[in-house]
Amino acid sequence: MAGTLDQQQGTSGPADPRRRPAVRTPGGSYALSKPTTLAGATRPALKESSKPAAKPCLAERESRGELEQLRQRHRQEEAQAIADIAQQYNKRKAWEMGLEMEARKLGYQAAKAARAAAHWNAVATIRRDVVARSRQIGQAA
């Protein structure tokens, strides 16, 4: 089996310029010479500034009074959240009551209009009947 690795694997054409040279491992497989990311670039080493800062332990924070300040702030935020929810609830209830009053008013107006329409329909029916009856009387005479 003579030829390059590309020829042995059946690929032809120029080699990919992004490709890294392979190194043969003792187990017989090939590995990349440097650790790479998916894009093919080497991984940067971790810098000192990218490491997370150590947080002070609870005892230190307690001695400085930070925990009590945090508790107080959380209580205030919780009370404010409850007040906001209550205010929104009251606004919604007032809005719903306004809608209910409006619906009652419209219902009253609709009922009034329906009564008026029924009245005028009845009047029109009576007139139609009177005209029809008078025509019958006129034709009979």
N, C-alpha and C. Protein backbone atom coordinates (compact mmCIF):
# COMPACT_ATOMS: atom_id res chain seq x y z
N MET A 1 0.83 -1.18 0.00
CA MET A 1 0.00 0.00 0.00
C MET A 1 0.87 1.23 0.00
N ALA A 2 1.16 1.71 -1.16
CA ALA A 2 2.01 2.89 -1.28
C ALA A 2 1.14 4.11 -1.42
N GLY A 3 1.65 5.29 -1.11
CA GLY A 3 0.91 6.54 -1.28
C GLY A 3 0.69 7.22 0.06
N THR A 4 0.09 8.38 -0.02
CA THR A 4 -0.14 9.16 1.19
C THR A 4 -1.40 8.65 1.89
N LEU A 5 -1.66 9.19 3.04
CA LEU A 5 -2.83 8.80 3.82
C LEU A 5 -4.10 9.16 3.06
N ASP A 6 -4.14 10.32 2.38
CA ASP A 6 -5.31 10.72 1.60
C ASP A 6 -5.60 9.71 0.50
N GLN A 7 -4.55 9.23 -0.17
CA GLN A 7 -4.75 8.28 -1.25
C GLN A 7 -5.22 6.94 -0.71
N GLN A 8 -4.71 6.56 0.47
CA GLN A 8 -5.13 5.29 1.05
C GLN A 8 -6.60 5.34 1.46
N GLN A 9 -7.07 6.49 1.93
CA GLN A 9 -8.46 6.61 2.36
C GLN A 9 -9.39 6.86 1.19
N GLY A 10 -8.88 7.07 0.01
CA GLY A 10 -9.71 7.25 -1.16
C GLY A 10 -10.06 8.68 -1.46
N THR A 11 -9.50 9.64 -0.75
CA THR A 11 -9.78 11.04 -1.05
C THR A 11 -8.76 11.54 -2.04
N SER A 12 -9.17 12.45 -2.85
CA SER A 12 -8.22 13.01 -3.81
C SER A 12 -8.33 14.51 -3.76
N GLY A 13 -7.42 15.22 -4.35
CA GLY A 13 -7.45 16.67 -4.37
C GLY A 13 -6.50 17.24 -3.34
N PRO A 14 -6.42 18.57 -3.31
CA PRO A 14 -5.49 19.20 -2.37
C PRO A 14 -5.96 19.00 -0.93
N ALA A 15 -5.02 18.93 -0.04
CA ALA A 15 -5.34 18.75 1.38
C ALA A 15 -5.99 20.01 1.92
N ASP A 16 -6.86 19.84 2.88
CA ASP A 16 -7.55 20.98 3.50
C ASP A 16 -6.53 21.81 4.27
N PRO A 17 -6.41 23.12 3.97
CA PRO A 17 -5.39 23.92 4.66
C PRO A 17 -5.69 24.07 6.16
N ARG A 18 -6.94 23.87 6.57
CA ARG A 18 -7.25 23.98 8.00
C ARG A 18 -6.87 22.71 8.76
N ARG A 19 -6.56 21.69 8.05
CA ARG A 19 -6.30 20.40 8.68
C ARG A 19 -4.99 20.43 9.45
N ARG A 20 -5.01 19.83 10.62
CA ARG A 20 -3.81 19.81 11.46
C ARG A 20 -3.07 18.49 11.22
N PRO A 21 -1.79 18.51 11.40
CA PRO A 21 -1.04 17.25 11.20
C PRO A 21 -1.42 16.22 12.26
N ALA A 22 -1.59 14.99 11.84
CA ALA A 22 -1.95 13.92 12.76
C ALA A 22 -0.70 13.30 13.36
N VAL A 23 -0.81 12.85 14.59
CA VAL A 23 0.30 12.22 15.30
C VAL A 23 -0.14 10.81 15.64
N ARG A 24 0.72 9.86 15.39
CA ARG A 24 0.37 8.47 15.66
C ARG A 24 0.55 8.20 17.15
N THR A 25 -0.51 7.64 17.78
CA THR A 25 -0.44 7.32 19.21
C THR A 25 0.09 5.91 19.36
N PRO A 26 0.55 5.55 20.56
CA PRO A 26 1.09 4.21 20.77
C PRO A 26 0.07 3.10 20.48
N GLY A 27 -1.23 3.38 20.58
CA GLY A 27 -2.25 2.37 20.31
C GLY A 27 -2.48 2.14 18.84
N GLY A 28 -1.85 2.92 17.98
CA GLY A 28 -1.99 2.72 16.55
C GLY A 28 -2.99 3.66 15.90
N SER A 29 -3.69 4.50 16.68
CA SER A 29 -4.64 5.42 16.08
C SER A 29 -3.97 6.78 15.89
N TYR A 30 -4.65 7.64 15.18
CA TYR A 30 -4.11 8.98 14.92
C TYR A 30 -4.83 10.00 15.81
N ALA A 31 -4.11 10.98 16.30
CA ALA A 31 -4.68 12.04 17.11
C ALA A 31 -4.09 13.36 16.63
N LEU A 32 -4.80 14.44 16.86
CA LEU A 32 -4.29 15.75 16.49
C LEU A 32 -3.15 16.14 17.42
N SER A 33 -2.21 16.91 16.88
CA SER A 33 -1.03 17.24 17.65
C SER A 33 -1.33 18.19 18.80
N LYS A 34 -2.35 19.06 18.67
CA LYS A 34 -2.71 19.99 19.74
C LYS A 34 -4.21 19.89 19.97
N PRO A 35 -4.68 20.16 21.19
CA PRO A 35 -6.13 20.16 21.39
C PRO A 35 -6.77 21.29 20.59
N THR A 36 -7.86 20.97 19.92
CA THR A 36 -8.52 21.97 19.08
C THR A 36 -9.99 22.09 19.42
N THR A 37 -10.56 23.23 19.02
CA THR A 37 -12.01 23.43 19.15
C THR A 37 -12.64 22.97 17.85
N LEU A 38 -13.93 23.07 17.74
CA LEU A 38 -14.61 22.64 16.52
C LEU A 38 -14.16 23.45 15.31
N ALA A 39 -13.83 24.71 15.51
CA ALA A 39 -13.41 25.55 14.40
C ALA A 39 -11.96 25.28 13.98
N GLY A 40 -11.26 24.49 14.75
CA GLY A 40 -9.88 24.15 14.40
C GLY A 40 -8.84 25.01 15.08
N ALA A 41 -9.24 25.98 15.86
CA ALA A 41 -8.27 26.83 16.55
C ALA A 41 -7.90 26.19 17.87
N THR A 42 -6.70 26.45 18.32
CA THR A 42 -6.28 25.89 19.60
C THR A 42 -7.00 26.61 20.73
N ARG A 43 -7.24 25.89 21.78
CA ARG A 43 -7.94 26.47 22.94
C ARG A 43 -7.00 27.38 23.71
N PRO A 44 -7.48 28.57 24.08
CA PRO A 44 -6.62 29.45 24.88
C PRO A 44 -6.53 28.93 26.31
N ALA A 45 -5.42 29.18 26.94
CA ALA A 45 -5.25 28.77 28.32
C ALA A 45 -6.08 29.69 29.21
N LEU A 46 -6.53 29.16 30.34
CA LEU A 46 -7.31 29.98 31.28
C LEU A 46 -6.42 31.06 31.87
N LYS A 47 -6.95 32.25 31.90
CA LYS A 47 -6.21 33.36 32.49
C LYS A 47 -6.62 33.50 33.95
N GLU A 48 -5.82 34.19 34.70
CA GLU A 48 -6.12 34.41 36.11
C GLU A 48 -7.41 35.20 36.29
N SER A 49 -7.66 36.17 35.39
CA SER A 49 -8.81 37.05 35.54
C SER A 49 -10.13 36.32 35.23
N SER A 50 -10.06 35.20 34.47
CA SER A 50 -11.29 34.51 34.12
C SER A 50 -11.75 33.54 35.21
N LYS A 51 -10.93 33.31 36.21
CA LYS A 51 -11.33 32.42 37.30
C LYS A 51 -12.28 33.16 38.23
N PRO A 52 -13.32 32.47 38.75
CA PRO A 52 -14.26 33.15 39.63
C PRO A 52 -13.61 33.55 40.95
N ALA A 53 -14.05 34.69 41.46
CA ALA A 53 -13.50 35.17 42.73
C ALA A 53 -14.12 34.37 43.87
N ALA A 54 -13.33 34.14 44.89
CA ALA A 54 -13.81 33.37 46.03
C ALA A 54 -14.80 34.21 46.83
N LYS A 55 -15.94 33.60 47.19
CA LYS A 55 -16.95 34.33 47.97
C LYS A 55 -16.62 34.22 49.46
N PRO A 56 -16.88 35.26 50.22
CA PRO A 56 -16.61 35.17 51.66
C PRO A 56 -17.58 34.18 52.30
N CYS A 57 -17.11 33.50 53.32
CA CYS A 57 -17.96 32.50 53.97
C CYS A 57 -19.08 33.19 54.75
N LEU A 58 -20.07 32.41 55.16
CA LEU A 58 -21.23 32.96 55.85
C LEU A 58 -20.85 33.64 57.16
N ALA A 59 -19.89 33.08 57.87
CA ALA A 59 -19.51 33.67 59.16
C ALA A 59 -18.94 35.07 58.95
N GLU A 60 -18.12 35.24 57.91
CA GLU A 60 -17.57 36.57 57.63
C GLU A 60 -18.68 37.55 57.26
N ARG A 61 -19.59 37.09 56.44
CA ARG A 61 -20.69 37.96 56.01
C ARG A 61 -21.59 38.31 57.21
N GLU A 62 -21.80 37.33 58.09
CA GLU A 62 -22.62 37.57 59.28
C GLU A 62 -21.96 38.60 60.18
N SER A 63 -20.63 38.49 60.33
CA SER A 63 -19.92 39.43 61.20
C SER A 63 -19.97 40.85 60.63
N ARG A 64 -20.03 40.97 59.33
CA ARG A 64 -20.09 42.29 58.71
C ARG A 64 -21.53 42.82 58.64
N GLY A 65 -22.49 42.03 59.00
CA GLY A 65 -23.88 42.48 58.98
C GLY A 65 -24.53 42.40 57.60
N GLU A 66 -23.84 41.77 56.66
CA GLU A 66 -24.38 41.70 55.30
C GLU A 66 -25.63 40.84 55.23
N LEU A 67 -25.64 39.75 55.99
CA LEU A 67 -26.79 38.85 55.91
C LEU A 67 -28.06 39.54 56.38
N GLU A 68 -27.97 40.30 57.46
CA GLU A 68 -29.16 41.01 57.94
C GLU A 68 -29.62 42.05 56.92
N GLN A 69 -28.67 42.72 56.27
CA GLN A 69 -29.04 43.69 55.23
C GLN A 69 -29.73 42.98 54.07
N LEU A 70 -29.20 41.82 53.69
CA LEU A 70 -29.83 41.05 52.61
C LEU A 70 -31.24 40.62 53.00
N ARG A 71 -31.39 40.14 54.23
CA ARG A 71 -32.73 39.73 54.70
C ARG A 71 -33.70 40.90 54.68
N GLN A 72 -33.24 42.05 55.14
CA GLN A 72 -34.09 43.24 55.17
C GLN A 72 -34.49 43.65 53.75
N ARG A 73 -33.52 43.62 52.83
CA ARG A 73 -33.82 43.99 51.44
C ARG A 73 -34.81 43.00 50.82
N HIS A 74 -34.63 41.72 51.12
CA HIS A 74 -35.56 40.71 50.59
C HIS A 74 -36.96 40.92 51.15
N ARG A 75 -37.06 41.25 52.43
CA ARG A 75 -38.38 41.52 53.03
C ARG A 75 -39.05 42.72 52.35
N GLN A 76 -38.26 43.79 52.12
CA GLN A 76 -38.81 44.97 51.45
C GLN A 76 -39.26 44.65 50.03
N GLU A 77 -38.45 43.90 49.31
CA GLU A 77 -38.82 43.53 47.93
C GLU A 77 -40.07 42.67 47.92
N GLU A 78 -40.17 41.75 48.87
CA GLU A 78 -41.34 40.89 48.95
C GLU A 78 -42.59 41.70 49.29
N ALA A 79 -42.47 42.64 50.23
CA ALA A 79 -43.61 43.49 50.58
C ALA A 79 -44.03 44.35 49.39
N GLN A 80 -43.04 44.87 48.66
CA GLN A 80 -43.35 45.68 47.47
C GLN A 80 -44.04 44.84 46.41
N ALA A 81 -43.58 43.61 46.22
CA ALA A 81 -44.20 42.72 45.23
C ALA A 81 -45.64 42.42 45.61
N ILE A 82 -45.89 42.18 46.90
CA ILE A 82 -47.25 41.91 47.37
C ILE A 82 -48.12 43.14 47.16
N ALA A 83 -47.59 44.32 47.45
CA ALA A 83 -48.35 45.56 47.26
C ALA A 83 -48.67 45.77 45.77
N ASP A 84 -47.71 45.49 44.91
CA ASP A 84 -47.96 45.63 43.46
C ASP A 84 -49.04 44.68 42.99
N ILE A 85 -48.99 43.44 43.47
CA ILE A 85 -50.00 42.45 43.08
C ILE A 85 -51.38 42.89 43.58
N ALA A 86 -51.45 43.37 44.82
CA ALA A 86 -52.74 43.83 45.36
C ALA A 86 -53.27 45.01 44.56
N GLN A 87 -52.39 45.92 44.18
CA GLN A 87 -52.82 47.08 43.39
C GLN A 87 -53.34 46.65 42.03
N GLN A 88 -52.64 45.73 41.40
CA GLN A 88 -53.10 45.22 40.10
C GLN A 88 -54.45 44.51 40.26
N TYR A 89 -54.61 43.75 41.35
CA TYR A 89 -55.86 43.05 41.59
C TYR A 89 -57.01 44.05 41.76
N ASN A 90 -56.74 45.10 42.54
CA ASN A 90 -57.78 46.12 42.76
C ASN A 90 -58.14 46.84 41.46
N LYS A 91 -57.12 47.15 40.66
CA LYS A 91 -57.39 47.80 39.37
C LYS A 91 -58.23 46.88 38.49
N ARG A 92 -57.89 45.61 38.48
CA ARG A 92 -58.63 44.65 37.65
C ARG A 92 -60.06 44.53 38.14
N LYS A 93 -60.24 44.48 39.46
CA LYS A 93 -61.59 44.37 40.01
C LYS A 93 -62.41 45.62 39.66
N ALA A 94 -61.79 46.78 39.77
CA ALA A 94 -62.50 48.01 39.44
C ALA A 94 -62.86 48.02 37.95
N TRP A 95 -61.95 47.56 37.13
CA TRP A 95 -62.21 47.50 35.70
C TRP A 95 -63.36 46.54 35.41
N GLU A 96 -63.33 45.35 36.07
CA GLU A 96 -64.41 44.38 35.87
C GLU A 96 -65.74 44.93 36.35
N MET A 97 -65.74 45.66 37.47
CA MET A 97 -66.99 46.25 37.96
C MET A 97 -67.49 47.31 36.99
N GLY A 98 -66.57 48.09 36.42
CA GLY A 98 -66.95 49.07 35.42
C GLY A 98 -67.57 48.41 34.20
N LEU A 99 -66.95 47.30 33.79
CA LEU A 99 -67.51 46.56 32.66
C LEU A 99 -68.90 46.02 32.99
N GLU A 100 -69.04 45.54 34.22
CA GLU A 100 -70.34 45.00 34.63
C GLU A 100 -71.41 46.10 34.63
N MET A 101 -71.05 47.27 35.15
CA MET A 101 -72.01 48.39 35.15
C MET A 101 -72.35 48.79 33.71
N GLU A 102 -71.33 48.82 32.86
CA GLU A 102 -71.56 49.16 31.46
C GLU A 102 -72.47 48.12 30.80
N ALA A 103 -72.23 46.85 31.10
CA ALA A 103 -73.06 45.79 30.53
C ALA A 103 -74.50 45.92 31.02
N ARG A 104 -74.67 46.26 32.30
CA ARG A 104 -76.03 46.45 32.82
C ARG A 104 -76.71 47.59 32.09
N LYS A 105 -75.94 48.69 31.93
CA LYS A 105 -76.51 49.86 31.25
C LYS A 105 -76.89 49.49 29.82
N LEU A 106 -75.98 48.80 29.12
CA LEU A 106 -76.26 48.39 27.75
C LEU A 106 -77.40 47.39 27.71
N GLY A 107 -77.45 46.52 28.71
CA GLY A 107 -78.54 45.55 28.78
C GLY A 107 -79.87 46.26 28.94
N TYR A 108 -79.88 47.27 29.79
CA TYR A 108 -81.11 48.05 30.00
C TYR A 108 -81.49 48.75 28.70
N GLN A 109 -80.48 49.35 28.06
CA GLN A 109 -80.76 50.05 26.80
C GLN A 109 -81.22 49.06 25.73
N ALA A 110 -80.60 47.88 25.68
CA ALA A 110 -80.99 46.88 24.70
C ALA A 110 -82.42 46.39 24.97
N ALA A 111 -82.74 46.19 26.24
CA ALA A 111 -84.10 45.75 26.58
C ALA A 111 -85.11 46.83 26.21
N LYS A 112 -84.73 48.09 26.48
CA LYS A 112 -85.61 49.21 26.13
C LYS A 112 -85.83 49.25 24.62
N ALA A 113 -84.73 49.08 23.86
CA ALA A 113 -84.83 49.09 22.40
C ALA A 113 -85.67 47.92 21.90
N ALA A 114 -85.51 46.76 22.53
CA ALA A 114 -86.30 45.60 22.12
C ALA A 114 -87.78 45.82 22.39
N ARG A 115 -88.08 46.42 23.55
CA ARG A 115 -89.48 46.73 23.86
C ARG A 115 -90.05 47.71 22.84
N ALA A 116 -89.23 48.73 22.49
CA ALA A 116 -89.68 49.71 21.50
C ALA A 116 -89.88 49.06 20.15
N ALA A 117 -88.95 48.19 19.75
CA ALA A 117 -89.08 47.51 18.46
C ALA A 117 -90.32 46.63 18.45
N ALA A 118 -90.55 45.92 19.56
CA ALA A 118 -91.74 45.07 19.63
C ALA A 118 -93.00 45.92 19.53
N HIS A 119 -92.99 47.06 20.20
CA HIS A 119 -94.13 47.95 20.16
C HIS A 119 -94.40 48.40 18.72
N TRP A 120 -93.33 48.88 18.06
CA TRP A 120 -93.52 49.39 16.70
C TRP A 120 -93.82 48.28 15.71
N ASN A 121 -93.31 47.10 15.96
CA ASN A 121 -93.70 45.95 15.12
C ASN A 121 -95.18 45.65 15.30
N ALA A 122 -95.61 45.72 16.54
CA ALA A 122 -97.04 45.48 16.79
C ALA A 122 -97.89 46.55 16.13
N VAL A 123 -97.45 47.80 16.24
CA VAL A 123 -98.19 48.90 15.61
C VAL A 123 -98.23 48.69 14.10
N ALA A 124 -97.10 48.33 13.50
CA ALA A 124 -97.04 48.12 12.06
C ALA A 124 -97.95 46.95 11.66
N THR A 125 -97.96 45.91 12.48
CA THR A 125 -98.81 44.76 12.19
C THR A 125 -100.28 45.17 12.24
N ILE A 126 -100.63 45.95 13.25
CA ILE A 126 -102.02 46.41 13.38
C ILE A 126 -102.40 47.26 12.18
N ARG A 127 -101.52 48.17 11.78
CA ARG A 127 -101.80 49.02 10.62
C ARG A 127 -101.98 48.18 9.36
N ARG A 128 -101.08 47.20 9.19
CA ARG A 128 -101.17 46.33 8.03
C ARG A 128 -102.51 45.60 8.01
N ASP A 129 -102.87 45.10 9.18
CA ASP A 129 -104.16 44.40 9.28
C ASP A 129 -105.33 45.33 8.97
N VAL A 130 -105.25 46.58 9.48
CA VAL A 130 -106.34 47.55 9.25
C VAL A 130 -106.44 47.85 7.75
N VAL A 131 -105.28 48.08 7.11
CA VAL A 131 -105.28 48.39 5.68
C VAL A 131 -105.82 47.20 4.89
N ALA A 132 -105.37 45.99 5.22
CA ALA A 132 -105.83 44.80 4.52
C ALA A 132 -107.34 44.61 4.71
N ARG A 133 -107.83 44.85 5.92
CA ARG A 133 -109.27 44.68 6.20
C ARG A 133 -110.09 45.73 5.45
N SER A 134 -109.54 46.97 5.40
CA SER A 134 -110.29 48.01 4.69
C SER A 134 -110.33 47.73 3.19
N ARG A 135 -109.28 47.15 2.64
CA ARG A 135 -109.28 46.78 1.23
C ARG A 135 -110.34 45.69 0.97
N GLN A 136 -110.38 44.75 1.90
CA GLN A 136 -111.38 43.69 1.74
C GLN A 136 -112.80 44.28 1.76
N ILE A 137 -112.98 45.21 2.68
CA ILE A 137 -114.31 45.83 2.78
C ILE A 137 -114.61 46.63 1.51
N GLY A 138 -113.57 47.35 0.99
CA GLY A 138 -113.75 48.15 -0.22
C GLY A 138 -114.04 47.28 -1.44
N GLN A 139 -113.41 46.15 -1.52
CA GLN A 139 -113.63 45.26 -2.65
C GLN A 139 -115.00 44.59 -2.55
N ALA A 140 -115.42 44.32 -1.36
CA ALA A 140 -116.71 43.67 -1.17
C ALA A 140 -117.86 44.63 -1.52
N ALA A 141 -117.63 45.89 -1.32
CA ALA A 141 -118.73 46.85 -1.56
C ALA A 141 -118.95 47.18 -2.99
